[in-house]
Amino acid sequence: MDIIDALILGIVQGLAEYLPISSSGHLEIGRQILGLDLGGAESLQFDVMLHVATVLSTIVVLWHEFKPLVISFFTFRRDDRFNYVCKILVSCIPIGIVGVCFKDTIETFFGQGLSLVGICLCATALLLSFSYFFRTRPLETNRLTGRVYKPRNITYIDAFVIGCAQAVAVLPGLSRSGTTIATGILIGDKREQVAKFSFLMVIIPILGEALLDIKDMLGVDAADAAAGVATPEIGIMALLTGFLASFAVGCLACKWMLALVNKGKLIWFAAYCLIVGAICIAKANGLF
């Protein structure tokens, strides 16, 4: 992987992490287009570093909300912000179990071609479509069921359910933001709250995964360690370029996505995911 490849993938990650189109799936598509042949572990390690960059962009964009949450939690104020952080911790339980118990299995899904990516993108499209048709607004009648909904604040049970959605979304092609936001909307939570909760809840698992990967990579021989946690396929300059590109683009995409969720425009991304998913499946099966 050279610097240009890393720059392109960093831009893709920065956009796709916040838009409900699956960053992991689009990174796999990008590697296929660029002709990059990385192993599953190397692909996952590079993806994790790009995800760390977008996590930092989340903190920057939502700093005015992130800082009070941290202060309330670590000073044990037992106020609404403290409870909010506790809900985020509850949402991390499912992904924590998956990460600890099935990490090796998850790695096998990365770098394996477009077939799985295509199927998961189609699943993302289906989920986004459901969230659109069953979406909730204050005292609005659901167009399919005729029921009247009043969206609620996120509860602890809601946080756990959204966390389960995040755990399933580790598959490449299944959008994490799309899955968690759509799940929150479907269970009746307020859209503006779900979007911010979705972006904040990923901070802990991504940083935790990054620390575990760094710990594992420090266990290799001195030559690899001196390369700055780079694998033989990924140089330190390429890694840094991808990181910076992902961070810069992520800052812009985060703000854009918050506005899109509030306006209820996710259905357009469902159409996009369906089209790209179908193309990936066709390509994987040699139809063109």
Protein backbone atom coordinates (compact mmCIF):
# COMPACT_ATOMS: atom_id res chain seq x y z
CA MET A 1 0.00 0.00 0.00
CA ASP A 2 1.40 3.39 -1.00
CA ILE A 3 0.50 6.88 0.23
CA ILE A 4 -2.06 7.51 -2.52
CA ASP A 5 -3.86 4.26 -1.70
CA ALA A 6 -3.93 5.18 1.98
CA LEU A 7 -5.20 8.69 1.17
CA ILE A 8 -8.08 7.31 -0.88
CA LEU A 9 -9.03 4.77 1.78
CA GLY A 10 -8.79 7.43 4.48
CA ILE A 11 -11.23 9.65 2.60
CA VAL A 12 -13.56 6.69 2.07
CA GLN A 13 -13.46 5.87 5.78
CA GLY A 14 -14.08 9.47 6.83
CA LEU A 15 -17.21 9.65 4.69
CA ALA A 16 -18.56 6.15 5.16
CA GLU A 17 -18.13 5.98 8.94
CA TYR A 18 -20.88 8.54 9.49
CA LEU A 19 -23.01 8.01 6.41
CA PRO A 20 -25.10 4.83 6.72
CA ILE A 21 -23.30 3.02 3.91
CA SER A 22 -20.78 0.89 5.86
CA SER A 23 -17.19 2.08 6.17
CA SER A 24 -15.82 -1.47 6.46
CA GLY A 25 -17.71 -2.52 3.35
CA HIS A 26 -16.51 0.47 1.34
CA LEU A 27 -12.94 -0.03 2.52
CA GLU A 28 -13.15 -3.58 1.18
CA ILE A 29 -14.56 -2.27 -2.11
CA GLY A 30 -11.78 0.31 -2.22
CA ARG A 31 -9.12 -2.35 -1.70
CA GLN A 32 -10.60 -4.40 -4.52
CA ILE A 33 -10.63 -1.42 -6.90
CA LEU A 34 -7.07 -0.43 -5.95
CA GLY A 35 -5.86 -4.02 -6.26
CA LEU A 36 -4.58 -4.22 -2.69
CA ASP A 37 -4.02 -7.72 -1.37
CA LEU A 38 -3.88 -7.52 2.41
CA GLY A 39 -4.47 -10.37 4.81
CA GLY A 40 -7.45 -10.35 7.16
CA ALA A 41 -5.42 -9.28 10.21
CA GLU A 42 -3.58 -6.53 8.30
CA SER A 43 -6.83 -5.23 6.79
CA LEU A 44 -8.48 -5.14 10.20
CA GLN A 45 -5.52 -3.36 11.83
CA PHE A 46 -5.49 -0.68 9.14
CA ASP A 47 -9.26 -0.29 9.41
CA VAL A 48 -9.03 0.08 13.18
CA MET A 49 -6.50 2.92 12.86
CA LEU A 50 -8.80 4.70 10.42
CA HIS A 51 -11.69 4.17 12.81
CA VAL A 52 -9.64 5.73 15.60
CA ALA A 53 -9.24 8.81 13.39
CA THR A 54 -12.99 9.10 12.92
CA VAL A 55 -13.56 8.57 16.64
CA LEU A 56 -11.32 11.57 17.28
CA SER A 57 -13.31 13.56 14.73
CA THR A 58 -16.48 12.62 16.66
CA ILE A 59 -14.96 13.99 19.85
CA VAL A 60 -13.95 17.22 18.09
CA VAL A 61 -17.36 17.80 16.47
CA LEU A 62 -19.33 16.87 19.61
CA TRP A 63 -16.84 18.35 22.07
CA HIS A 64 -19.40 20.71 23.62
CA GLU A 65 -21.42 17.63 24.59
CA PHE A 66 -18.58 15.18 25.12
CA LYS A 67 -16.70 17.27 27.70
CA PRO A 68 -19.63 17.70 30.15
CA LEU A 69 -20.34 13.96 29.91
CA VAL A 70 -16.78 13.11 30.88
CA ILE A 71 -16.76 15.61 33.75
CA SER A 72 -20.08 14.37 35.16
CA PHE A 73 -19.09 10.72 34.94
CA PHE A 74 -15.66 10.98 36.54
CA THR A 75 -16.88 13.33 39.28
CA PHE A 76 -19.85 11.02 40.06
CA ARG A 77 -22.40 13.80 39.88
CA ARG A 78 -25.28 11.33 39.40
CA ASP A 79 -27.06 13.75 37.07
CA ASP A 80 -28.58 13.20 33.60
CA ARG A 81 -25.14 13.32 31.98
CA PHE A 82 -23.83 10.66 34.35
CA ASN A 83 -26.78 8.43 33.48
CA TYR A 84 -26.18 9.08 29.78
CA VAL A 85 -22.61 7.81 30.06
CA CYS A 86 -23.89 4.77 31.96
CA LYS A 87 -26.25 4.07 29.06
CA ILE A 88 -23.30 4.28 26.66
CA LEU A 89 -21.44 1.76 28.83
CA VAL A 90 -24.48 -0.55 28.73
CA SER A 91 -24.52 -0.27 24.93
CA CYS A 92 -20.89 -1.41 24.84
CA ILE A 93 -21.60 -4.74 26.56
CA PRO A 94 -22.66 -6.67 23.41
CA ILE A 95 -19.73 -5.45 21.27
CA GLY A 96 -17.38 -6.15 24.17
CA ILE A 97 -18.56 -9.77 24.34
CA VAL A 98 -18.21 -10.16 20.58
CA GLY A 99 -14.75 -8.57 20.58
CA VAL A 100 -13.41 -10.73 23.41
CA CYS A 101 -14.97 -14.04 22.40
CA PHE A 102 -15.06 -13.86 18.61
CA LYS A 103 -12.18 -11.55 17.60
CA ASP A 104 -10.36 -14.23 15.58
CA THR A 105 -13.57 -15.20 13.80
CA ILE A 106 -14.33 -11.57 12.93
CA GLU A 107 -10.86 -11.13 11.38
CA THR A 108 -11.64 -13.88 8.89
CA PHE A 109 -14.47 -11.78 7.41
CA PHE A 110 -12.09 -9.00 6.35
CA GLY A 111 -10.15 -9.11 3.09
CA GLN A 112 -12.31 -11.94 1.72
CA GLY A 113 -13.84 -10.28 -1.34
CA LEU A 114 -17.12 -8.66 -2.27
CA SER A 115 -19.75 -11.37 -1.83
CA LEU A 116 -20.30 -10.86 1.92
CA VAL A 117 -19.99 -7.09 1.52
CA GLY A 118 -22.75 -7.10 -1.08
CA ILE A 119 -25.10 -9.19 1.03
CA CYS A 120 -24.55 -6.99 4.09
CA LEU A 121 -25.05 -3.79 2.07
CA CYS A 122 -28.41 -5.14 0.90
CA ALA A 123 -29.26 -5.91 4.55
CA THR A 124 -28.31 -2.32 5.43
CA ALA A 125 -30.62 -1.06 2.69
CA LEU A 126 -33.47 -3.15 4.08
CA LEU A 127 -32.94 -1.89 7.62
CA LEU A 128 -32.77 1.75 6.51
CA SER A 129 -35.97 1.27 4.53
CA PHE A 130 -37.77 -0.10 7.57
CA SER A 131 -36.56 2.82 9.68
CA TYR A 132 -37.94 5.22 7.06
CA PHE A 133 -41.39 3.69 6.75
CA PHE A 134 -41.69 3.12 10.50
CA ARG A 135 -39.91 6.33 11.45
CA THR A 136 -41.34 8.31 14.33
CA ARG A 137 -42.04 11.99 14.84
CA PRO A 138 -43.92 13.71 17.70
CA LEU A 139 -47.54 12.53 17.51
CA GLU A 140 -47.22 11.40 13.90
CA THR A 141 -49.29 8.56 12.49
CA ASN A 142 -47.23 5.69 11.11
CA ARG A 143 -48.03 5.37 7.43
CA LEU A 144 -48.06 1.56 7.48
CA THR A 145 -49.64 0.63 10.81
CA GLY A 146 -51.88 3.63 11.46
CA ARG A 147 -50.54 3.89 15.03
CA VAL A 148 -49.65 7.21 16.61
CA TYR A 149 -46.15 7.40 18.08
CA LYS A 150 -44.50 9.77 20.48
CA PRO A 151 -40.71 9.30 20.37
CA ARG A 152 -39.07 8.86 23.77
CA ASN A 153 -35.69 9.46 25.31
CA ILE A 154 -33.20 6.59 25.16
CA THR A 155 -33.65 4.18 28.09
CA TYR A 156 -31.18 1.63 29.45
CA ILE A 157 -33.02 -1.15 27.64
CA ASP A 158 -32.93 0.88 24.42
CA ALA A 159 -29.20 1.40 24.89
CA PHE A 160 -28.64 -2.35 25.20
CA VAL A 161 -30.76 -3.08 22.11
CA ILE A 162 -28.86 -0.46 20.10
CA GLY A 163 -25.65 -2.00 21.44
CA CYS A 164 -26.73 -5.41 20.11
CA ALA A 165 -27.23 -3.79 16.71
CA GLN A 166 -23.71 -2.38 16.91
CA ALA A 167 -22.33 -5.84 17.72
CA VAL A 168 -23.98 -7.33 14.63
CA ALA A 169 -22.64 -4.47 12.50
CA VAL A 170 -19.03 -5.68 12.82
CA LEU A 171 -19.63 -7.54 9.54
CA PRO A 172 -18.11 -5.72 6.54
CA GLY A 173 -20.91 -4.13 4.55
CA LEU A 174 -23.34 -3.78 7.45
CA SER A 175 -23.28 -0.09 8.34
CA ARG A 176 -22.64 0.54 12.01
CA SER A 177 -24.14 4.03 12.04
CA GLY A 178 -27.00 2.97 9.79
CA THR A 179 -27.76 -0.12 11.88
CA THR A 180 -27.66 1.63 15.25
CA ILE A 181 -29.55 4.74 14.11
CA ALA A 182 -32.20 2.70 12.31
CA THR A 183 -32.59 0.41 15.33
CA GLY A 184 -33.06 3.38 17.65
CA ILE A 185 -35.66 4.90 15.37
CA LEU A 186 -37.51 1.59 15.00
CA ILE A 187 -37.81 1.09 18.76
CA GLY A 188 -39.25 4.60 19.13
CA ASP A 189 -36.38 6.83 20.26
CA LYS A 190 -35.99 10.44 19.21
CA ARG A 191 -34.00 10.71 15.99
CA GLU A 192 -31.77 13.58 17.09
CA GLN A 193 -30.85 11.67 20.25
CA VAL A 194 -30.22 8.40 18.40
CA ALA A 195 -27.75 10.01 15.97
CA LYS A 196 -25.60 11.54 18.70
CA PHE A 197 -25.83 8.42 20.84
CA SER A 198 -24.74 6.31 17.86
CA PHE A 199 -21.66 8.44 17.28
CA LEU A 200 -20.70 8.62 20.96
CA MET A 201 -21.27 4.92 21.76
CA VAL A 202 -18.58 3.80 19.30
CA ILE A 203 -15.79 5.73 21.04
CA ILE A 204 -15.14 3.17 23.78
CA PRO A 205 -15.10 -0.03 21.65
CA ILE A 206 -12.99 1.51 18.87
CA LEU A 207 -10.38 2.90 21.24
CA GLY A 208 -10.41 -0.37 23.17
CA GLU A 209 -9.86 -2.35 19.96
CA ALA A 210 -7.05 0.00 18.97
CA LEU A 211 -5.30 -0.50 22.31
CA LEU A 212 -5.59 -4.27 22.00
CA ASP A 213 -4.18 -4.18 18.47
CA ILE A 214 -1.28 -1.98 19.54
CA LYS A 215 -0.59 -4.37 22.41
CA ASP A 216 -0.56 -7.34 20.01
CA MET A 217 1.67 -5.56 17.50
CA LEU A 218 4.16 -4.61 20.22
CA GLY A 219 4.62 -8.33 20.77
CA VAL A 220 6.21 -8.85 17.35
CA ASP A 221 9.96 -8.72 16.69
CA ALA A 222 11.98 -5.54 17.13
CA ALA A 223 12.11 -4.77 13.41
CA ASP A 224 8.33 -4.68 13.07
CA ALA A 225 7.94 -2.72 16.30
CA ALA A 226 10.42 -0.11 15.07
CA ALA A 227 8.18 0.45 12.02
CA GLY A 228 5.61 2.20 14.22
CA VAL A 229 2.94 -0.51 14.47
CA ALA A 230 3.06 -1.00 10.71
CA THR A 231 2.76 -4.39 9.11
CA PRO A 232 5.02 -5.45 6.23
CA GLU A 233 2.25 -4.45 3.80
CA ILE A 234 1.43 -1.05 5.35
CA GLY A 235 4.19 1.54 5.82
CA ILE A 236 4.16 4.12 8.58
CA MET A 237 3.73 7.05 6.14
CA ALA A 238 0.78 5.36 4.46
CA LEU A 239 -0.76 4.67 7.86
CA LEU A 240 -0.30 8.31 8.93
CA THR A 241 -1.72 9.62 5.65
CA GLY A 242 -4.82 7.46 5.94
CA PHE A 243 -5.26 8.50 9.57
CA LEU A 244 -5.12 12.25 8.82
CA ALA A 245 -7.39 11.97 5.78
CA SER A 246 -9.94 9.97 7.75
CA PHE A 247 -9.91 12.50 10.59
CA ALA A 248 -10.32 15.58 8.37
CA VAL A 249 -13.10 14.14 6.21
CA GLY A 250 -14.77 12.61 9.28
CA CYS A 251 -15.20 16.03 10.89
CA LEU A 252 -17.18 17.22 7.88
CA ALA A 253 -19.19 14.01 7.46
CA CYS A 254 -20.20 13.92 11.14
CA LYS A 255 -21.83 17.35 10.95
CA TRP A 256 -23.54 16.43 7.68
CA MET A 257 -24.94 13.17 9.02
CA LEU A 258 -26.41 14.80 12.14
CA ALA A 259 -28.37 17.17 9.90
CA LEU A 260 -29.51 14.36 7.58
CA VAL A 261 -30.85 12.21 10.43
CA ASN A 262 -32.86 15.11 11.83
CA LYS A 263 -34.40 15.65 8.39
CA GLY A 264 -35.21 11.94 7.95
CA LYS A 265 -33.31 11.54 4.67
CA LEU A 266 -31.88 8.05 5.26
CA ILE A 267 -34.05 6.43 2.58
CA TRP A 268 -31.73 7.73 -0.15
CA PHE A 269 -28.84 5.83 1.39
CA ALA A 270 -30.98 2.69 1.38
CA ALA A 271 -31.29 2.97 -2.40
CA TYR A 272 -27.53 3.54 -2.70
CA CYS A 273 -26.67 0.53 -0.52
CA LEU A 274 -29.04 -1.69 -2.48
CA ILE A 275 -27.50 -0.71 -5.82
CA VAL A 276 -23.90 -1.04 -4.65
CA GLY A 277 -24.69 -4.30 -2.85
CA ALA A 278 -26.21 -5.78 -5.99
CA ILE A 279 -23.15 -4.72 -8.01
CA CYS A 280 -20.82 -6.33 -5.44
CA ILE A 281 -22.75 -9.60 -5.49
CA ALA A 282 -22.79 -9.63 -9.30
CA LYS A 283 -19.07 -8.91 -9.45
CA ALA A 284 -18.24 -11.59 -6.89
CA ASN A 285 -20.15 -14.15 -8.91
CA GLY A 286 -18.44 -13.21 -12.19
CA LEU A 287 -21.51 -11.73 -13.86
CA PHE A 288 -19.40 -8.91 -15.33
